[in-house]
Amino acid sequence: MPTTVVLGFILGTLCALARNSRLGWLRAVAGGYVELIRNTPLLIQAYFLIFGLSSAGLTMPIMAGAVLALVINIAPTGARGA
């Protein structure tokens, strides 16, 4: 899915910029996001996005949830070394 790679790259670039920011709170939020996502398996993230949010009332098509899970999972890979 090239869409997930492109969107993941954009989100990862934004995370890398946030981790190098002068604002402490922005560095902390980006660092927390990267550590949280890097330390949970993709299957758990996809399950939460597709089924967990639907039980909370937010429904989305399965394909949209899968793309969102992949984007969220790909993004911290580039931002980790920042």
PDB file of N, CA and C in Angstrom:
ATOM      1  N   MET A   1       0.830  -1.178   0.000  1.00  0.00           N
ATOM      2  CA  MET A   1       0.000   0.000   0.000  1.00  0.00           C
ATOM      3  C   MET A   1       0.881   1.250   0.000  1.00  0.00           C
ATOM      4  N   PRO A   2       1.045   1.870  -1.134  1.00  0.00           N
ATOM      5  CA  PRO A   2       1.878   3.069  -1.173  1.00  0.00           C
ATOM      6  C   PRO A   2       1.300   4.226  -0.365  1.00  0.00           C
ATOM      7  N   THR A   3      -0.011   4.258  -0.215  1.00  0.00           N
ATOM      8  CA  THR A   3      -0.636   5.331   0.556  1.00  0.00           C
ATOM      9  C   THR A   3      -0.160   5.311   2.004  1.00  0.00           C
ATOM     10  N   THR A   4      -0.080   4.135   2.583  1.00  0.00           N
ATOM     11  CA  THR A   4       0.339   4.038   3.982  1.00  0.00           C
ATOM     12  C   THR A   4       1.789   4.447   4.152  1.00  0.00           C
ATOM     13  N   VAL A   5       2.623   4.125   3.179  1.00  0.00           N
ATOM     14  CA  VAL A   5       4.039   4.485   3.270  1.00  0.00           C
ATOM     15  C   VAL A   5       4.208   5.995   3.191  1.00  0.00           C
ATOM     16  N   VAL A   6       3.509   6.621   2.263  1.00  0.00           N
ATOM     17  CA  VAL A   6       3.621   8.077   2.105  1.00  0.00           C
ATOM     18  C   VAL A   6       3.087   8.796   3.337  1.00  0.00           C
ATOM     19  N   LEU A   7       1.902   8.398   3.797  1.00  0.00           N
ATOM     20  CA  LEU A   7       1.333   9.032   4.985  1.00  0.00           C
ATOM     21  C   LEU A   7       2.175   8.748   6.233  1.00  0.00           C
ATOM     22  N   GLY A   8       2.706   7.544   6.340  1.00  0.00           N
ATOM     23  CA  GLY A   8       3.585   7.213   7.459  1.00  0.00           C
ATOM     24  C   GLY A   8       4.870   8.021   7.430  1.00  0.00           C
ATOM     25  N   PHE A   9       5.397   8.244   6.218  1.00  0.00           N
ATOM     26  CA  PHE A   9       6.596   9.069   6.078  1.00  0.00           C
ATOM     27  C   PHE A   9       6.328  10.502   6.515  1.00  0.00           C
ATOM     28  N   ILE A  10       5.187  11.043   6.109  1.00  0.00           N
ATOM     29  CA  ILE A  10       4.846  12.419   6.481  1.00  0.00           C
ATOM     30  C   ILE A  10       4.668  12.533   7.996  1.00  0.00           C
ATOM     31  N   LEU A  11       3.933  11.605   8.596  1.00  0.00           N
ATOM     32  CA  LEU A  11       3.737  11.631  10.043  1.00  0.00           C
ATOM     33  C   LEU A  11       5.051  11.401  10.785  1.00  0.00           C
ATOM     34  N   GLY A  12       5.889  10.517  10.261  1.00  0.00           N
ATOM     35  CA  GLY A  12       7.185  10.278  10.880  1.00  0.00           C
ATOM     36  C   GLY A  12       8.093  11.496  10.810  1.00  0.00           C
ATOM     37  N   THR A  13       8.045  12.216   9.700  1.00  0.00           N
ATOM     38  CA  THR A  13       8.829  13.445   9.569  1.00  0.00           C
ATOM     39  C   THR A  13       8.354  14.495  10.564  1.00  0.00           C
ATOM     40  N   LEU A  14       7.041  14.609  10.715  1.00  0.00           N
ATOM     41  CA  LEU A  14       6.503  15.552  11.698  1.00  0.00           C
ATOM     42  C   LEU A  14       6.904  15.163  13.121  1.00  0.00           C
ATOM     43  N   CYS A  15       6.916  13.873  13.403  1.00  0.00           N
ATOM     44  CA  CYS A  15       7.349  13.400  14.732  1.00  0.00           C
ATOM     45  C   CYS A  15       8.819  13.687  14.968  1.00  0.00           C
ATOM     46  N   ALA A  16       9.640  13.494  13.925  1.00  0.00           N
ATOM     47  CA  ALA A  16      11.072  13.770  14.058  1.00  0.00           C
ATOM     48  C   ALA A  16      11.309  15.255  14.302  1.00  0.00           C
ATOM     49  N   LEU A  17      10.573  16.103  13.606  1.00  0.00           N
ATOM     50  CA  LEU A  17      10.693  17.545  13.839  1.00  0.00           C
ATOM     51  C   LEU A  17      10.226  17.918  15.238  1.00  0.00           C
ATOM     52  N   ALA A  18       9.165  17.274  15.705  1.00  0.00           N
ATOM     53  CA  ALA A  18       8.661  17.550  17.051  1.00  0.00           C
ATOM     54  C   ALA A  18       9.647  17.093  18.117  1.00  0.00           C
ATOM     55  N   ARG A  19      10.325  15.988  17.866  1.00  0.00           N
ATOM     56  CA  ARG A  19      11.295  15.489  18.859  1.00  0.00           C
ATOM     57  C   ARG A  19      12.536  16.358  18.929  1.00  0.00           C
ATOM     58  N   ASN A  20      12.786  17.139  17.882  1.00  0.00           N
ATOM     59  CA  ASN A  20      13.927  18.065  17.881  1.00  0.00           C
ATOM     60  C   ASN A  20      13.510  19.491  18.172  1.00  0.00           C
ATOM     61  N   SER A  21      12.287  19.694  18.606  1.00  0.00           N
ATOM     62  CA  SER A  21      11.752  21.020  18.876  1.00  0.00           C
ATOM     63  C   SER A  21      12.354  21.601  20.154  1.00  0.00           C
ATOM     64  N   ARG A  22      12.275  22.903  20.262  1.00  0.00           N
ATOM     65  CA  ARG A  22      12.721  23.568  21.488  1.00  0.00           C
ATOM     66  C   ARG A  22      11.670  23.499  22.587  1.00  0.00           C
ATOM     67  N   LEU A  23      10.431  23.217  22.190  1.00  0.00           N
ATOM     68  CA  LEU A  23       9.341  23.139  23.163  1.00  0.00           C
ATOM     69  C   LEU A  23       9.384  21.791  23.879  1.00  0.00           C
ATOM     70  N   GLY A  24       9.528  21.836  25.170  1.00  0.00           N
ATOM     71  CA  GLY A  24       9.643  20.610  25.955  1.00  0.00           C
ATOM     72  C   GLY A  24       8.408  19.739  25.902  1.00  0.00           C
ATOM     73  N   TRP A  25       7.241  20.349  25.968  1.00  0.00           N
ATOM     74  CA  TRP A  25       6.000  19.573  25.951  1.00  0.00           C
ATOM     75  C   TRP A  25       5.811  18.864  24.617  1.00  0.00           C
ATOM     76  N   LEU A  26       6.245  19.505  23.511  1.00  0.00           N
ATOM     77  CA  LEU A  26       6.114  18.893  22.199  1.00  0.00           C
ATOM     78  C   LEU A  26       7.066  17.707  22.055  1.00  0.00           C
ATOM     79  N   ARG A  27       8.286  17.860  22.594  1.00  0.00           N
ATOM     80  CA  ARG A  27       9.236  16.741  22.598  1.00  0.00           C
ATOM     81  C   ARG A  27       8.703  15.581  23.420  1.00  0.00           C
ATOM     82  N   ALA A  28       8.075  15.892  24.546  1.00  0.00           N
ATOM     83  CA  ALA A  28       7.544  14.842  25.413  1.00  0.00           C
ATOM     84  C   ALA A  28       6.379  14.104  24.749  1.00  0.00           C
ATOM     85  N   VAL A  29       5.485  14.831  24.104  1.00  0.00           N
ATOM     86  CA  VAL A  29       4.342  14.199  23.434  1.00  0.00           C
ATOM     87  C   VAL A  29       4.824  13.321  22.285  1.00  0.00           C
ATOM     88  N   ALA A  30       5.737  13.841  21.465  1.00  0.00           N
ATOM     89  CA  ALA A  30       6.252  13.058  20.333  1.00  0.00           C
ATOM     90  C   ALA A  30       7.033  11.847  20.826  1.00  0.00           C
ATOM     91  N   GLY A  31       7.827  12.019  21.868  1.00  0.00           N
ATOM     92  CA  GLY A  31       8.576  10.895  22.421  1.00  0.00           C
ATOM     93  C   GLY A  31       7.673   9.837  23.012  1.00  0.00           C
ATOM     94  N   GLY A  32       6.610  10.267  23.687  1.00  0.00           N
ATOM     95  CA  GLY A  32       5.653   9.317  24.240  1.00  0.00           C
ATOM     96  C   GLY A  32       4.926   8.540  23.156  1.00  0.00           C
ATOM     97  N   TYR A  33       4.563   9.245  22.083  1.00  0.00           N
ATOM     98  CA  TYR A  33       3.901   8.584  20.952  1.00  0.00           C
ATOM     99  C   TYR A  33       4.822   7.540  20.331  1.00  0.00           C
ATOM    100  N   VAL A  34       6.060   7.924  20.096  1.00  0.00           N
ATOM    101  CA  VAL A  34       7.016   6.998  19.471  1.00  0.00           C
ATOM    102  C   VAL A  34       7.237   5.780  20.361  1.00  0.00           C
ATOM    103  N   GLU A  35       7.453   5.978  21.636  1.00  0.00           N
ATOM    104  CA  GLU A  35       7.707   4.850  22.534  1.00  0.00           C
ATOM    105  C   GLU A  35       6.475   3.964  22.692  1.00  0.00           C
ATOM    106  N   LEU A  36       5.290   4.571  22.763  1.00  0.00           N
ATOM    107  CA  LEU A  36       4.065   3.785  22.903  1.00  0.00           C
ATOM    108  C   LEU A  36       3.824   2.918  21.670  1.00  0.00           C
ATOM    109  N   ILE A  37       3.950   3.493  20.509  1.00  0.00           N
ATOM    110  CA  ILE A  37       3.665   2.758  19.277  1.00  0.00           C
ATOM    111  C   ILE A  37       4.757   1.733  18.986  1.00  0.00           C
ATOM    112  N   ARG A  38       6.012   2.071  19.255  1.00  0.00           N
ATOM    113  CA  ARG A  38       7.090   1.127  18.984  1.00  0.00           C
ATOM    114  C   ARG A  38       7.048  -0.078  19.929  1.00  0.00           C
ATOM    115  N   ASN A  39       6.412   0.077  21.081  1.00  0.00           N
ATOM    116  CA  ASN A  39       6.399  -1.008  22.063  1.00  0.00           C
ATOM    117  C   ASN A  39       5.105  -1.808  22.081  1.00  0.00           C
ATOM    118  N   THR A  40       4.213  -1.558  21.121  1.00  0.00           N
ATOM    119  CA  THR A  40       3.012  -2.376  21.002  1.00  0.00           C
ATOM    120  C   THR A  40       2.978  -3.014  19.621  1.00  0.00           C
ATOM    121  N   PRO A  41       2.543  -4.255  19.541  1.00  0.00           N
ATOM    122  CA  PRO A  41       2.500  -4.936  18.245  1.00  0.00           C
ATOM    123  C   PRO A  41       1.436  -4.341  17.312  1.00  0.00           C
ATOM    124  N   LEU A  42       1.686  -4.473  16.019  1.00  0.00           N
ATOM    125  CA  LEU A  42       0.761  -3.966  15.008  1.00  0.00           C
ATOM    126  C   LEU A  42      -0.615  -4.607  15.139  1.00  0.00           C
ATOM    127  N   LEU A  43      -0.657  -5.866  15.461  1.00  0.00           N
ATOM    128  CA  LEU A  43      -1.943  -6.556  15.585  1.00  0.00           C
ATOM    129  C   LEU A  43      -2.795  -5.939  16.697  1.00  0.00           C
ATOM    130  N   ILE A  44      -2.179  -5.580  17.795  1.00  0.00           N
ATOM    131  CA  ILE A  44      -2.909  -4.950  18.903  1.00  0.00           C
ATOM    132  C   ILE A  44      -3.406  -3.576  18.484  1.00  0.00           C
ATOM    133  N   GLN A  45      -2.565  -2.818  17.787  1.00  0.00           N
ATOM    134  CA  GLN A  45      -2.980  -1.494  17.326  1.00  0.00           C
ATOM    135  C   GLN A  45      -4.142  -1.592  16.345  1.00  0.00           C
ATOM    136  N   ALA A  46      -4.056  -2.527  15.395  1.00  0.00           N
ATOM    137  CA  ALA A  46      -5.128  -2.695  14.420  1.00  0.00           C
ATOM    138  C   ALA A  46      -6.413  -3.152  15.102  1.00  0.00           C
ATOM    139  N   TYR A  47      -6.310  -4.074  16.038  1.00  0.00           N
ATOM    140  CA  TYR A  47      -7.491  -4.550  16.756  1.00  0.00           C
ATOM    141  C   TYR A  47      -8.159  -3.404  17.509  1.00  0.00           C
ATOM    142  N   PHE A  48      -7.345  -2.576  18.165  1.00  0.00           N
ATOM    143  CA  PHE A  48      -7.905  -1.443  18.903  1.00  0.00           C
ATOM    144  C   PHE A  48      -8.586  -0.452  17.961  1.00  0.00           C
ATOM    145  N   LEU A  49      -7.945  -0.127  16.838  1.00  0.00           N
ATOM    146  CA  LEU A  49      -8.519   0.857  15.925  1.00  0.00           C
ATOM    147  C   LEU A  49      -9.780   0.350  15.242  1.00  0.00           C
ATOM    148  N   ILE A  50      -9.777  -0.908  14.851  1.00  0.00           N
ATOM    149  CA  ILE A  50     -10.916  -1.425  14.086  1.00  0.00           C
ATOM    150  C   ILE A  50     -12.070  -1.817  15.003  1.00  0.00           C
ATOM    151  N   PHE A  51     -11.782  -2.549  16.057  1.00  0.00           N
ATOM    152  CA  PHE A  51     -12.857  -3.068  16.914  1.00  0.00           C
ATOM    153  C   PHE A  51     -13.050  -2.278  18.199  1.00  0.00           C
ATOM    154  N   GLY A  52     -11.971  -1.793  18.774  1.00  0.00           N
ATOM    155  CA  GLY A  52     -12.081  -1.074  20.040  1.00  0.00           C
ATOM    156  C   GLY A  52     -12.804   0.255  19.909  1.00  0.00           C
ATOM    157  N   LEU A  53     -12.489   0.991  18.866  1.00  0.00           N
ATOM    158  CA  LEU A  53     -13.156   2.274  18.683  1.00  0.00           C
ATOM    159  C   LEU A  53     -14.616   2.111  18.263  1.00  0.00           C
ATOM    160  N   SER A  54     -14.921   1.016  17.552  1.00  0.00           N
ATOM    161  CA  SER A  54     -16.319   0.800  17.159  1.00  0.00           C
ATOM    162  C   SER A  54     -17.184   0.477  18.376  1.00  0.00           C
ATOM    163  N   SER A  55     -16.615  -0.160  19.370  1.00  0.00           N
ATOM    164  CA  SER A  55     -17.392  -0.425  20.582  1.00  0.00           C
ATOM    165  C   SER A  55     -17.593   0.850  21.406  1.00  0.00           C
ATOM    166  N   ALA A  56     -16.760   1.865  21.136  1.00  0.00           N
ATOM    167  CA  ALA A  56     -16.933   3.152  21.804  1.00  0.00           C
ATOM    168  C   ALA A  56     -17.841   4.081  21.008  1.00  0.00           C
ATOM    169  N   GLY A  57     -18.346   3.611  19.849  1.00  0.00           N
ATOM    170  CA  GLY A  57     -19.277   4.407  19.074  1.00  0.00           C
ATOM    171  C   GLY A  57     -18.702   5.022  17.815  1.00  0.00           C
ATOM    172  N   LEU A  58     -17.398   4.902  17.606  1.00  0.00           N
ATOM    173  CA  LEU A  58     -16.749   5.459  16.415  1.00  0.00           C
ATOM    174  C   LEU A  58     -16.537   4.329  15.417  1.00  0.00           C
ATOM    175  N   THR A  59     -17.365   4.303  14.383  1.00  0.00           N
ATOM    176  CA  THR A  59     -17.253   3.225  13.401  1.00  0.00           C
ATOM    177  C   THR A  59     -16.522   3.718  12.162  1.00  0.00           C
ATOM    178  N   MET A  60     -15.781   2.801  11.550  1.00  0.00           N
ATOM    179  CA  MET A  60     -15.068   3.082  10.311  1.00  0.00           C
ATOM    180  C   MET A  60     -14.977   1.792   9.518  1.00  0.00           C
ATOM    181  N   PRO A  61     -14.838   1.901   8.206  1.00  0.00           N
ATOM    182  CA  PRO A  61     -14.665   0.682   7.413  1.00  0.00           C
ATOM    183  C   PRO A  61     -13.378  -0.049   7.816  1.00  0.00           C
ATOM    184  N   ILE A  62     -13.374  -1.348   7.669  1.00  0.00           N
ATOM    185  CA  ILE A  62     -12.220  -2.145   8.074  1.00  0.00           C
ATOM    186  C   ILE A  62     -10.967  -1.723   7.300  1.00  0.00           C
ATOM    187  N   MET A  63     -11.118  -1.431   6.013  1.00  0.00           N
ATOM    188  CA  MET A  63      -9.955  -1.024   5.217  1.00  0.00           C
ATOM    189  C   MET A  63      -9.390   0.303   5.714  1.00  0.00           C
ATOM    190  N   ALA A  64     -10.237   1.238   6.079  1.00  0.00           N
ATOM    191  CA  ALA A  64      -9.768   2.515   6.613  1.00  0.00           C
ATOM    192  C   ALA A  64      -9.049   2.302   7.945  1.00  0.00           C
ATOM    193  N   GLY A  65      -9.569   1.420   8.780  1.00  0.00           N
ATOM    194  CA  GLY A  65      -8.903   1.111  10.046  1.00  0.00           C
ATOM    195  C   GLY A  65      -7.560   0.441   9.838  1.00  0.00           C
ATOM    196  N   ALA A  66      -7.472  -0.425   8.821  1.00  0.00           N
ATOM    197  CA  ALA A  66      -6.203  -1.090   8.530  1.00  0.00           C
ATOM    198  C   ALA A  66      -5.170  -0.098   8.018  1.00  0.00           C
ATOM    199  N   VAL A  67      -5.585   0.804   7.142  1.00  0.00           N
ATOM    200  CA  VAL A  67      -4.659   1.826   6.627  1.00  0.00           C
ATOM    201  C   VAL A  67      -4.216   2.736   7.762  1.00  0.00           C
ATOM    202  N   LEU A  68      -5.132   3.152   8.616  1.00  0.00           N
ATOM    203  CA  LEU A  68      -4.787   4.008   9.744  1.00  0.00           C
ATOM    204  C   LEU A  68      -3.827   3.300  10.699  1.00  0.00           C
ATOM    205  N   ALA A  69      -4.057   2.030  10.953  1.00  0.00           N
ATOM    206  CA  ALA A  69      -3.168   1.269  11.832  1.00  0.00           C
ATOM    207  C   ALA A  69      -1.769   1.168  11.235  1.00  0.00           C
ATOM    208  N   LEU A  70      -1.671   0.952   9.937  1.00  0.00           N
ATOM    209  CA  LEU A  70      -0.363   0.871   9.292  1.00  0.00           C
ATOM    210  C   LEU A  70       0.356   2.212   9.308  1.00  0.00           C
ATOM    211  N   VAL A  71      -0.364   3.290   9.066  1.00  0.00           N
ATOM    212  CA  VAL A  71       0.248   4.625   9.103  1.00  0.00           C
ATOM    213  C   VAL A  71       0.761   4.922  10.508  1.00  0.00           C
ATOM    214  N   ILE A  72      -0.053   4.645  11.504  1.00  0.00           N
ATOM    215  CA  ILE A  72       0.352   4.900  12.885  1.00  0.00           C
ATOM    216  C   ILE A  72       1.546   4.032  13.270  1.00  0.00           C
ATOM    217  N   ASN A  73       1.618   2.819  12.719  1.00  0.00           N
ATOM    218  CA  ASN A  73       2.713   1.917  13.040  1.00  0.00           C
ATOM    219  C   ASN A  73       3.997   2.258  12.295  1.00  0.00           C
ATOM    220  N   ILE A  74       3.900   2.744  11.072  1.00  0.00           N
ATOM    221  CA  ILE A  74       5.078   3.051  10.265  1.00  0.00           C
ATOM    222  C   ILE A  74       5.757   4.340  10.721  1.00  0.00           C
ATOM    223  N   ALA A  75       4.986   5.338  11.134  1.00  0.00           N
ATOM    224  CA  ALA A  75       5.503   6.670  11.416  1.00  0.00           C
ATOM    225  C   ALA A  75       6.649   6.710  12.433  1.00  0.00           C
ATOM    226  N   PRO A  76       6.566   6.040  13.584  1.00  0.00           N
ATOM    227  CA  PRO A  76       7.641   6.178  14.569  1.00  0.00           C
ATOM    228  C   PRO A  76       8.958   5.520  14.153  1.00  0.00           C
ATOM    229  N   THR A  77       8.957   4.713  13.109  1.00  0.00           N
ATOM    230  CA  THR A  77      10.189   4.060  12.699  1.00  0.00           C
ATOM    231  C   THR A  77      11.252   5.065  12.302  1.00  0.00           C
ATOM    232  N   GLY A  78      10.874   6.088  11.562  1.00  0.00           N
ATOM    233  CA  GLY A  78      11.825   7.120  11.154  1.00  0.00           C
ATOM    234  C   GLY A  78      12.087   8.136  12.238  1.00  0.00           C
ATOM    235  N   ALA A  79      11.124   8.360  13.113  1.00  0.00           N
ATOM    236  CA  ALA A  79      11.266   9.381  14.137  1.00  0.00           C
ATOM    237  C   ALA A  79      12.015   8.891  15.362  1.00  0.00           C
ATOM    238  N   ARG A  80      12.266   7.604  15.446  1.00  0.00           N
ATOM    239  CA  ARG A  80      12.891   7.041  16.645  1.00  0.00           C
ATOM    240  C   ARG A  80      14.314   7.551  16.847  1.00  0.00           C
ATOM    241  N   GLY A  81      15.061   7.678  15.778  1.00  0.00           N
ATOM    242  CA  GLY A  81      16.460   8.091  15.908  1.00  0.00           C
ATOM    243  C   GLY A  81      16.652   9.596  16.003  1.00  0.00           C
ATOM    244  N   ALA A  82      15.579  10.353  15.905  1.00  0.00           N
ATOM    245  CA  ALA A  82      15.699  11.805  15.905  1.00  0.00           C
ATOM    246  C   ALA A  82      16.121  12.328  17.253  1.00  0.00           C
TER     247      ALA A  82
END
